[in-house]
């Protein structure tokens, strides 16, 4: 009986706290503004200067386009959202990022493998509509299958630190 009474008081306390937070937003305090970017708002081009460090060990063999949607991906600690479009067969050489990389495939398929060298048998597909996470500081490589459109988000800095080819 004692634990049941304690549970009731915990629920009452949580309800009161939630009501206070809800009332705060209802009053307009601490209310965030909506942020909307349409397809027509995107400006496509090359990735920003300074995003890549070192020399890639694999030729891409295709094209890559970049569009910023929110934030500055090169700024440490700042949330960002970018779009990347790559042509069929585009290869991303082994690299790593300082922070986690979240990937949503909007079109095509994006195949990701872990390791220091580009090895096709290690690739695993993230299909259209799928999500992938590559932890920060994990060496990985990728391949675009079909014309591929990606939404990538995380916290900066989003740098490509290329892994040197083994000797």
N, C-alpha and C. Protein backbone atom coordinates (compact mmCIF):
# COMPACT_ATOMS: atom_id res chain seq x y z
N UNK A 1 0.82 -1.18 0.00
CA UNK A 1 0.00 0.00 0.00
C UNK A 1 0.88 1.26 0.00
N UNK A 2 1.98 1.18 0.76
CA UNK A 2 2.86 2.33 0.86
C UNK A 2 3.45 2.70 -0.50
N UNK A 3 3.88 1.67 -1.29
CA UNK A 3 4.47 1.96 -2.59
C UNK A 3 3.41 2.50 -3.55
N UNK A 4 2.17 2.06 -3.40
CA UNK A 4 1.10 2.58 -4.27
C UNK A 4 0.87 4.06 -3.99
N UNK A 5 0.88 4.46 -2.71
CA UNK A 5 0.71 5.87 -2.35
C UNK A 5 1.88 6.70 -2.88
N UNK A 6 3.07 6.15 -2.78
CA UNK A 6 4.24 6.86 -3.31
C UNK A 6 4.12 7.05 -4.81
N UNK A 7 3.64 6.03 -5.51
CA UNK A 7 3.46 6.13 -6.96
C UNK A 7 2.47 7.21 -7.32
N UNK A 8 1.37 7.30 -6.55
CA UNK A 8 0.37 8.34 -6.80
C UNK A 8 0.99 9.71 -6.65
N UNK A 9 1.79 9.92 -5.59
CA UNK A 9 2.41 11.22 -5.38
C UNK A 9 3.43 11.55 -6.47
N UNK A 10 4.16 10.55 -6.94
CA UNK A 10 5.09 10.78 -8.06
C UNK A 10 4.32 11.23 -9.29
N UNK A 11 3.22 10.55 -9.60
CA UNK A 11 2.41 10.92 -10.77
C UNK A 11 1.83 12.31 -10.62
N UNK A 12 1.35 12.65 -9.41
CA UNK A 12 0.82 13.99 -9.17
C UNK A 12 1.92 15.02 -9.38
N UNK A 13 3.11 14.73 -8.86
CA UNK A 13 4.24 15.65 -9.03
C UNK A 13 4.62 15.83 -10.49
N UNK A 14 4.66 14.72 -11.25
CA UNK A 14 4.98 14.81 -12.67
C UNK A 14 3.91 15.59 -13.41
N UNK A 15 2.64 15.33 -13.07
CA UNK A 15 1.54 16.05 -13.71
C UNK A 15 1.61 17.54 -13.45
N UNK A 16 1.94 17.91 -12.21
CA UNK A 16 2.06 19.32 -11.86
C UNK A 16 3.21 19.96 -12.62
N UNK A 17 4.35 19.26 -12.71
CA UNK A 17 5.50 19.79 -13.45
C UNK A 17 5.18 19.94 -14.92
N UNK A 18 4.53 18.94 -15.51
CA UNK A 18 4.16 19.01 -16.93
C UNK A 18 3.18 20.14 -17.16
N UNK A 19 2.22 20.32 -16.25
CA UNK A 19 1.25 21.40 -16.39
C UNK A 19 1.94 22.76 -16.35
N UNK A 20 2.94 22.91 -15.46
CA UNK A 20 3.66 24.18 -15.37
C UNK A 20 4.44 24.46 -16.65
N UNK A 21 5.08 23.43 -17.21
CA UNK A 21 5.82 23.60 -18.46
C UNK A 21 4.86 23.94 -19.59
N UNK A 22 3.75 23.22 -19.66
CA UNK A 22 2.77 23.47 -20.71
C UNK A 22 2.21 24.89 -20.60
N UNK A 23 1.92 25.34 -19.37
CA UNK A 23 1.41 26.69 -19.17
C UNK A 23 2.44 27.73 -19.60
N UNK A 24 3.72 27.44 -19.34
CA UNK A 24 4.78 28.36 -19.73
C UNK A 24 4.78 28.56 -21.25
N UNK A 25 4.63 27.46 -22.01
CA UNK A 25 4.60 27.57 -23.46
C UNK A 25 3.31 28.22 -23.92
N UNK A 26 2.20 27.96 -23.22
CA UNK A 26 0.93 28.56 -23.59
C UNK A 26 0.99 30.07 -23.42
N UNK A 27 1.79 30.55 -22.45
CA UNK A 27 1.95 31.98 -22.24
C UNK A 27 2.92 32.60 -23.26
N UNK A 28 3.56 31.78 -24.10
CA UNK A 28 4.48 32.30 -25.11
C UNK A 28 5.91 32.45 -24.61
N UNK A 29 6.23 31.98 -23.41
CA UNK A 29 7.59 32.07 -22.89
C UNK A 29 8.43 30.95 -23.50
N UNK A 30 9.67 31.25 -23.81
CA UNK A 30 10.62 30.25 -24.32
C UNK A 30 10.10 29.51 -25.54
N UNK A 31 9.29 30.14 -26.30
CA UNK A 31 8.71 29.48 -27.48
C UNK A 31 9.68 29.60 -28.65
N UNK A 32 10.06 28.49 -29.22
CA UNK A 32 10.94 28.48 -30.38
C UNK A 32 10.14 28.84 -31.63
N UNK A 33 10.81 29.42 -32.58
CA UNK A 33 10.18 29.73 -33.86
C UNK A 33 10.31 28.53 -34.79
N UNK A 34 9.30 28.32 -35.60
CA UNK A 34 9.37 27.26 -36.61
C UNK A 34 10.42 27.64 -37.64
N UNK A 35 11.11 26.65 -38.16
CA UNK A 35 12.15 26.87 -39.17
C UNK A 35 11.84 25.94 -40.32
N UNK A 36 11.50 26.51 -41.46
CA UNK A 36 11.08 25.70 -42.61
C UNK A 36 11.94 26.05 -43.81
N UNK A 37 12.44 25.03 -44.49
CA UNK A 37 13.22 25.21 -45.71
C UNK A 37 12.55 24.35 -46.79
N UNK A 38 12.18 24.97 -47.89
CA UNK A 38 11.58 24.20 -48.98
C UNK A 38 12.65 23.79 -49.99
N UNK A 39 12.30 22.84 -50.82
CA UNK A 39 13.21 22.38 -51.88
C UNK A 39 13.68 23.56 -52.74
N UNK A 40 12.79 24.52 -52.98
CA UNK A 40 13.12 25.68 -53.81
C UNK A 40 14.10 26.64 -53.14
N UNK A 41 14.24 26.56 -51.82
CA UNK A 41 15.16 27.44 -51.09
C UNK A 41 16.61 26.97 -51.15
N UNK A 42 16.84 25.75 -51.58
CA UNK A 42 18.19 25.18 -51.56
C UNK A 42 19.07 25.77 -52.66
N UNK A 43 20.31 26.03 -52.30
CA UNK A 43 21.32 26.46 -53.27
C UNK A 43 22.37 25.36 -53.32
N UNK A 44 22.46 24.69 -54.47
CA UNK A 44 23.37 23.56 -54.64
C UNK A 44 24.71 24.03 -55.17
N UNK A 45 25.76 23.41 -54.69
CA UNK A 45 27.11 23.72 -55.15
C UNK A 45 28.10 22.73 -54.59
N UNK A 46 29.37 23.12 -54.60
CA UNK A 46 30.42 22.28 -54.03
C UNK A 46 30.38 22.37 -52.51
N UNK A 47 30.88 21.34 -51.82
CA UNK A 47 31.00 21.43 -50.36
C UNK A 47 31.88 22.62 -49.99
N UNK A 48 31.68 23.18 -48.79
CA UNK A 48 32.46 24.36 -48.40
C UNK A 48 33.95 24.07 -48.30
N UNK A 49 34.73 25.10 -48.59
CA UNK A 49 36.19 24.99 -48.44
C UNK A 49 36.50 24.69 -46.98
N UNK A 50 37.47 23.84 -46.75
CA UNK A 50 37.89 23.51 -45.40
C UNK A 50 37.18 22.31 -44.79
N UNK A 51 36.22 21.73 -45.53
CA UNK A 51 35.48 20.59 -44.98
C UNK A 51 36.31 19.31 -45.03
N UNK A 52 37.29 19.23 -45.94
CA UNK A 52 38.09 18.02 -46.10
C UNK A 52 39.53 18.27 -45.68
N UNK A 53 40.09 17.30 -44.96
CA UNK A 53 41.48 17.36 -44.51
C UNK A 53 42.22 16.15 -45.04
N UNK A 54 43.35 16.37 -45.69
CA UNK A 54 44.14 15.27 -46.23
C UNK A 54 43.79 14.98 -47.68
N UNK A 55 44.19 13.81 -48.16
CA UNK A 55 43.98 13.41 -49.55
C UNK A 55 43.20 12.11 -49.58
N UNK A 56 42.07 12.09 -50.32
CA UNK A 56 41.30 10.84 -50.39
C UNK A 56 42.09 9.74 -51.08
N UNK A 57 41.90 8.50 -50.63
CA UNK A 57 42.64 7.36 -51.18
C UNK A 57 41.91 6.70 -52.35
N UNK A 58 40.73 7.17 -52.67
CA UNK A 58 39.91 6.59 -53.75
C UNK A 58 39.38 7.73 -54.61
N UNK A 59 39.42 7.55 -55.92
CA UNK A 59 38.83 8.53 -56.84
C UNK A 59 37.31 8.40 -56.76
N UNK A 60 36.60 9.53 -56.66
CA UNK A 60 35.14 9.44 -56.51
C UNK A 60 34.42 8.88 -57.74
N UNK A 61 34.91 9.18 -58.92
CA UNK A 61 34.29 8.63 -60.13
C UNK A 61 32.88 9.12 -60.38
N UNK A 62 32.53 10.29 -59.92
CA UNK A 62 31.19 10.84 -60.13
C UNK A 62 31.12 12.24 -59.56
N UNK A 63 29.90 12.72 -59.36
CA UNK A 63 29.72 14.09 -58.88
C UNK A 63 29.02 14.10 -57.53
N UNK A 64 29.33 15.15 -56.76
CA UNK A 64 28.72 15.38 -55.45
C UNK A 64 28.30 16.83 -55.39
N UNK A 65 27.06 17.08 -54.96
CA UNK A 65 26.57 18.44 -54.74
C UNK A 65 26.15 18.59 -53.29
N UNK A 66 26.23 19.81 -52.80
CA UNK A 66 26.02 20.12 -51.39
C UNK A 66 25.05 21.29 -51.28
N UNK A 67 24.15 21.25 -50.29
CA UNK A 67 23.28 22.38 -49.97
C UNK A 67 23.12 22.45 -48.46
N UNK A 68 23.30 23.63 -47.89
CA UNK A 68 23.12 23.84 -46.46
C UNK A 68 21.66 24.16 -46.19
N UNK A 69 21.10 23.54 -45.16
CA UNK A 69 19.71 23.80 -44.79
C UNK A 69 19.62 24.57 -43.48
N UNK A 70 20.56 24.31 -42.57
CA UNK A 70 20.52 24.98 -41.26
C UNK A 70 21.89 24.88 -40.60
N UNK A 71 22.32 25.97 -40.00
CA UNK A 71 23.56 25.97 -39.23
C UNK A 71 24.80 25.96 -40.10
N UNK A 72 25.92 25.97 -39.44
CA UNK A 72 27.22 25.93 -40.10
C UNK A 72 27.89 24.62 -39.70
N UNK A 73 27.99 23.65 -40.63
CA UNK A 73 28.54 22.36 -40.27
C UNK A 73 30.02 22.40 -39.86
N UNK A 74 30.71 23.48 -40.16
CA UNK A 74 32.13 23.58 -39.79
C UNK A 74 32.32 24.17 -38.39
N UNK A 75 31.26 24.67 -37.80
CA UNK A 75 31.35 25.32 -36.48
C UNK A 75 31.16 24.31 -35.35
N UNK A 76 32.14 24.22 -34.48
CA UNK A 76 32.09 23.27 -33.36
C UNK A 76 30.90 23.55 -32.46
N UNK A 77 30.20 22.48 -32.11
CA UNK A 77 29.09 22.57 -31.18
C UNK A 77 27.79 23.08 -31.76
N UNK A 78 27.77 23.43 -33.03
CA UNK A 78 26.54 23.98 -33.64
C UNK A 78 25.78 22.88 -34.39
N UNK A 79 24.48 22.77 -34.13
CA UNK A 79 23.68 21.81 -34.90
C UNK A 79 23.62 22.25 -36.37
N UNK A 80 23.59 21.27 -37.26
CA UNK A 80 23.50 21.58 -38.69
C UNK A 80 22.61 20.55 -39.39
N UNK A 81 22.11 20.95 -40.55
CA UNK A 81 21.39 20.05 -41.45
C UNK A 81 21.87 20.40 -42.86
N UNK A 82 22.33 19.39 -43.60
CA UNK A 82 22.76 19.60 -44.98
C UNK A 82 22.12 18.55 -45.87
N UNK A 83 22.14 18.82 -47.17
CA UNK A 83 21.73 17.83 -48.16
C UNK A 83 22.94 17.55 -49.04
N UNK A 84 23.08 16.31 -49.43
CA UNK A 84 24.13 15.89 -50.37
C UNK A 84 23.47 15.11 -51.48
N UNK A 85 23.85 15.39 -52.71
CA UNK A 85 23.39 14.61 -53.86
C UNK A 85 24.62 14.05 -54.57
N UNK A 86 24.58 12.76 -54.87
CA UNK A 86 25.71 12.15 -55.57
C UNK A 86 25.19 11.28 -56.70
N UNK A 87 26.00 11.20 -57.73
CA UNK A 87 25.64 10.42 -58.92
C UNK A 87 25.87 8.93 -58.67
N UNK A 88 25.22 8.11 -59.47
CA UNK A 88 25.37 6.66 -59.37
C UNK A 88 26.85 6.27 -59.47
N UNK A 89 27.31 5.47 -58.53
CA UNK A 89 28.70 5.00 -58.54
C UNK A 89 29.67 5.91 -57.83
N UNK A 90 29.21 7.06 -57.32
CA UNK A 90 30.11 7.97 -56.62
C UNK A 90 30.67 7.27 -55.37
N UNK A 91 32.00 7.28 -55.23
CA UNK A 91 32.65 6.65 -54.09
C UNK A 91 33.15 7.70 -53.11
N UNK A 92 32.91 7.44 -51.85
CA UNK A 92 33.44 8.29 -50.79
C UNK A 92 34.59 7.52 -50.15
N UNK A 93 35.79 8.07 -50.26
CA UNK A 93 36.99 7.41 -49.74
C UNK A 93 36.90 7.26 -48.22
N UNK A 94 37.65 6.32 -47.66
CA UNK A 94 37.67 6.16 -46.21
C UNK A 94 38.02 7.47 -45.50
N UNK A 95 37.24 7.76 -44.47
CA UNK A 95 37.41 9.00 -43.71
C UNK A 95 36.74 8.83 -42.36
N UNK A 96 36.83 9.87 -41.55
CA UNK A 96 36.12 9.92 -40.27
C UNK A 96 35.71 11.36 -40.01
N UNK A 97 34.72 11.50 -39.13
CA UNK A 97 34.24 12.82 -38.70
C UNK A 97 34.47 12.92 -37.19
N UNK A 98 34.69 14.14 -36.67
CA UNK A 98 34.87 14.28 -35.23
C UNK A 98 33.62 13.92 -34.41
N UNK A 99 32.44 14.14 -34.99
CA UNK A 99 31.17 13.92 -34.28
C UNK A 99 30.32 12.90 -35.04
N UNK A 100 29.25 12.44 -34.40
CA UNK A 100 28.33 11.49 -35.05
C UNK A 100 27.77 12.07 -36.34
N UNK A 101 27.54 11.18 -37.30
CA UNK A 101 26.93 11.56 -38.58
C UNK A 101 25.62 10.80 -38.71
N UNK A 102 24.51 11.55 -38.83
CA UNK A 102 23.18 10.98 -39.02
C UNK A 102 22.81 11.14 -40.49
N UNK A 103 22.38 10.05 -41.12
CA UNK A 103 22.12 10.04 -42.56
C UNK A 103 20.71 9.52 -42.81
N UNK A 104 19.93 10.28 -43.58
CA UNK A 104 18.61 9.83 -44.04
C UNK A 104 18.67 9.81 -45.56
N UNK A 105 18.33 8.69 -46.17
CA UNK A 105 18.37 8.57 -47.63
C UNK A 105 17.00 8.96 -48.18
N UNK A 106 16.98 10.03 -48.97
CA UNK A 106 15.74 10.52 -49.57
C UNK A 106 15.47 9.91 -50.94
N UNK A 107 16.54 9.53 -51.62
CA UNK A 107 16.44 8.93 -52.96
C UNK A 107 17.66 8.06 -53.18
N UNK A 108 17.50 6.98 -53.92
CA UNK A 108 18.61 6.08 -54.21
C UNK A 108 18.93 5.21 -53.01
N UNK A 109 20.15 4.74 -52.96
CA UNK A 109 20.64 3.96 -51.82
C UNK A 109 22.05 4.43 -51.51
N UNK A 110 22.40 4.46 -50.25
CA UNK A 110 23.71 4.88 -49.81
C UNK A 110 24.31 3.70 -49.05
N UNK A 111 25.38 3.17 -49.58
CA UNK A 111 26.02 2.00 -48.97
C UNK A 111 27.22 2.46 -48.15
N UNK A 112 27.28 2.01 -46.91
CA UNK A 112 28.33 2.43 -45.99
C UNK A 112 29.08 1.20 -45.47
N UNK A 113 30.40 1.31 -45.41
CA UNK A 113 31.24 0.26 -44.84
C UNK A 113 32.19 0.86 -43.82
N UNK A 114 32.62 0.07 -42.88
CA UNK A 114 33.53 0.53 -41.84
C UNK A 114 34.93 0.00 -42.11
N UNK A 115 35.93 0.86 -41.91
CA UNK A 115 37.31 0.44 -42.08
C UNK A 115 38.18 1.51 -42.68
N UNK A 116 39.47 1.17 -42.84
CA UNK A 116 40.47 2.11 -43.33
C UNK A 116 40.67 2.07 -44.84
N UNK A 117 40.14 1.04 -45.51
CA UNK A 117 40.28 0.92 -46.96
C UNK A 117 38.90 0.65 -47.56
N UNK A 118 38.72 1.13 -48.79
CA UNK A 118 37.45 0.94 -49.49
C UNK A 118 37.36 -0.53 -49.92
N UNK A 119 36.44 -1.26 -49.31
CA UNK A 119 36.25 -2.68 -49.62
C UNK A 119 34.77 -2.92 -49.89
N UNK A 120 34.43 -3.08 -51.18
CA UNK A 120 33.03 -3.24 -51.58
C UNK A 120 32.28 -4.33 -50.81
N UNK A 121 32.89 -5.49 -50.50
CA UNK A 121 32.13 -6.52 -49.78
C UNK A 121 31.67 -6.09 -48.38
N UNK A 122 32.26 -5.05 -47.82
CA UNK A 122 31.88 -4.59 -46.48
C UNK A 122 30.74 -3.58 -46.49
N UNK A 123 30.32 -3.15 -47.68
CA UNK A 123 29.26 -2.14 -47.79
C UNK A 123 27.91 -2.71 -47.37
N UNK A 124 27.13 -1.89 -46.65
CA UNK A 124 25.76 -2.24 -46.28
C UNK A 124 24.86 -1.10 -46.72
N UNK A 125 23.77 -1.45 -47.41
CA UNK A 125 22.87 -0.43 -47.96
C UNK A 125 22.00 0.23 -46.90
N UNK A 126 21.88 1.54 -47.01
CA UNK A 126 20.81 2.29 -46.36
C UNK A 126 19.86 2.60 -47.52
N UNK A 127 18.68 1.98 -47.58
CA UNK A 127 17.79 2.16 -48.72
C UNK A 127 17.02 3.48 -48.65
N UNK A 128 16.34 3.82 -49.74
CA UNK A 128 15.48 5.00 -49.76
C UNK A 128 14.55 4.95 -48.55
N UNK A 129 14.50 6.06 -47.84
CA UNK A 129 13.66 6.15 -46.64
C UNK A 129 14.34 5.64 -45.39
N UNK A 130 15.55 5.08 -45.52
CA UNK A 130 16.27 4.52 -44.38
C UNK A 130 17.14 5.55 -43.68
N UNK A 131 17.61 5.14 -42.51
CA UNK A 131 18.44 5.99 -41.65
C UNK A 131 19.71 5.22 -41.28
N UNK A 132 20.81 5.94 -41.18
CA UNK A 132 22.06 5.36 -40.71
C UNK A 132 22.77 6.31 -39.76
N UNK A 133 23.51 5.73 -38.84
CA UNK A 133 24.32 6.51 -37.90
C UNK A 133 25.74 5.98 -37.98
N UNK A 134 26.68 6.90 -38.19
CA UNK A 134 28.10 6.55 -38.12
C UNK A 134 28.66 7.32 -36.93
N UNK A 135 29.09 6.61 -35.89
CA UNK A 135 29.62 7.30 -34.70
C UNK A 135 30.85 8.15 -35.04
N UNK A 136 30.99 9.24 -34.32
CA UNK A 136 32.15 10.10 -34.49
C UNK A 136 33.44 9.31 -34.32
N UNK A 137 34.45 9.67 -35.10
CA UNK A 137 35.79 9.09 -35.06
C UNK A 137 35.85 7.65 -35.58
N UNK A 138 34.76 7.17 -36.21
CA UNK A 138 34.78 5.83 -36.79
C UNK A 138 35.15 5.94 -38.26
N UNK A 139 36.21 5.22 -38.67
CA UNK A 139 36.62 5.22 -40.07
C UNK A 139 35.56 4.50 -40.91
N UNK A 140 35.15 5.14 -42.01
CA UNK A 140 34.13 4.56 -42.87
C UNK A 140 34.29 5.06 -44.30
N UNK A 141 33.59 4.41 -45.22
CA UNK A 141 33.61 4.76 -46.64
C UNK A 141 32.21 4.50 -47.16
N UNK A 142 31.93 4.96 -48.40
CA UNK A 142 30.56 4.84 -48.89
C UNK A 142 30.51 4.80 -50.41
N UNK A 143 29.33 4.40 -50.91
CA UNK A 143 29.07 4.32 -52.34
C UNK A 143 27.62 4.71 -52.59
N UNK A 144 27.41 5.58 -53.59
CA UNK A 144 26.05 5.96 -53.98
C UNK A 144 25.55 4.99 -55.04
N UNK A 145 24.37 4.43 -54.80
CA UNK A 145 23.76 3.51 -55.76
C UNK A 145 22.53 4.18 -56.34
N UNK A 146 22.61 4.48 -57.63
CA UNK A 146 21.58 5.31 -58.27
C UNK A 146 21.88 6.75 -57.94
N UNK A 147 21.15 7.67 -58.57
CA UNK A 147 21.30 9.07 -58.20
C UNK A 147 20.74 9.19 -56.78
N UNK A 148 21.59 9.60 -55.86
CA UNK A 148 21.27 9.53 -54.44
C UNK A 148 21.15 10.92 -53.83
N UNK A 149 20.15 11.10 -52.98
CA UNK A 149 19.89 12.36 -52.28
C UNK A 149 19.86 12.03 -50.79
N UNK A 150 20.72 12.71 -50.04
CA UNK A 150 20.87 12.44 -48.61
C UNK A 150 20.56 13.68 -47.78
N UNK A 151 19.96 13.47 -46.63
CA UNK A 151 19.84 14.50 -45.61
C UNK A 151 20.79 14.07 -44.50
N UNK A 152 21.73 14.95 -44.16
CA UNK A 152 22.73 14.64 -43.14
C UNK A 152 22.62 15.70 -42.05
N UNK A 153 22.58 15.24 -40.80
CA UNK A 153 22.49 16.19 -39.70
C UNK A 153 23.34 15.73 -38.52
N UNK A 154 23.62 16.69 -37.65
CA UNK A 154 24.41 16.40 -36.47
C UNK A 154 24.86 17.68 -35.81
N UNK A 155 25.97 17.58 -35.10
CA UNK A 155 26.58 18.72 -34.43
C UNK A 155 27.98 18.88 -34.99
N UNK A 156 28.32 20.12 -35.33
CA UNK A 156 29.62 20.40 -35.92
C UNK A 156 30.76 20.22 -34.93
N UNK A 157 31.96 20.14 -35.43
CA UNK A 157 32.28 20.31 -36.84
C UNK A 157 32.10 19.02 -37.63
N UNK A 158 31.58 19.18 -38.85
CA UNK A 158 31.47 18.04 -39.76
C UNK A 158 32.63 18.17 -40.75
N UNK A 159 33.70 17.52 -40.43
CA UNK A 159 34.90 17.53 -41.27
C UNK A 159 35.12 16.13 -41.82
N UNK A 160 35.61 16.05 -43.05
CA UNK A 160 36.04 14.77 -43.61
C UNK A 160 37.55 14.69 -43.43
N UNK A 161 37.96 13.86 -42.51
CA UNK A 161 39.38 13.61 -42.30
C UNK A 161 39.72 12.33 -43.07
N UNK A 162 40.33 12.50 -44.27
CA UNK A 162 40.62 11.37 -45.13
C UNK A 162 41.65 10.45 -44.48
N UNK A 163 41.45 9.15 -44.64
CA UNK A 163 42.38 8.15 -44.14
C UNK A 163 43.39 7.86 -45.25
N UNK A 164 44.68 7.97 -44.93
CA UNK A 164 45.70 7.72 -45.92
C UNK A 164 45.66 6.26 -46.37
N UNK A 165 45.94 6.04 -47.64
CA UNK A 165 45.98 4.67 -48.18
C UNK A 165 47.10 3.91 -47.51
N UNK A 166 46.85 2.62 -47.16
CA UNK A 166 47.91 1.80 -46.56
C UNK A 166 49.08 1.65 -47.53
N UNK A 167 50.26 1.57 -47.00
CA UNK A 167 51.45 1.44 -47.85
C UNK A 167 51.82 0.01 -48.03
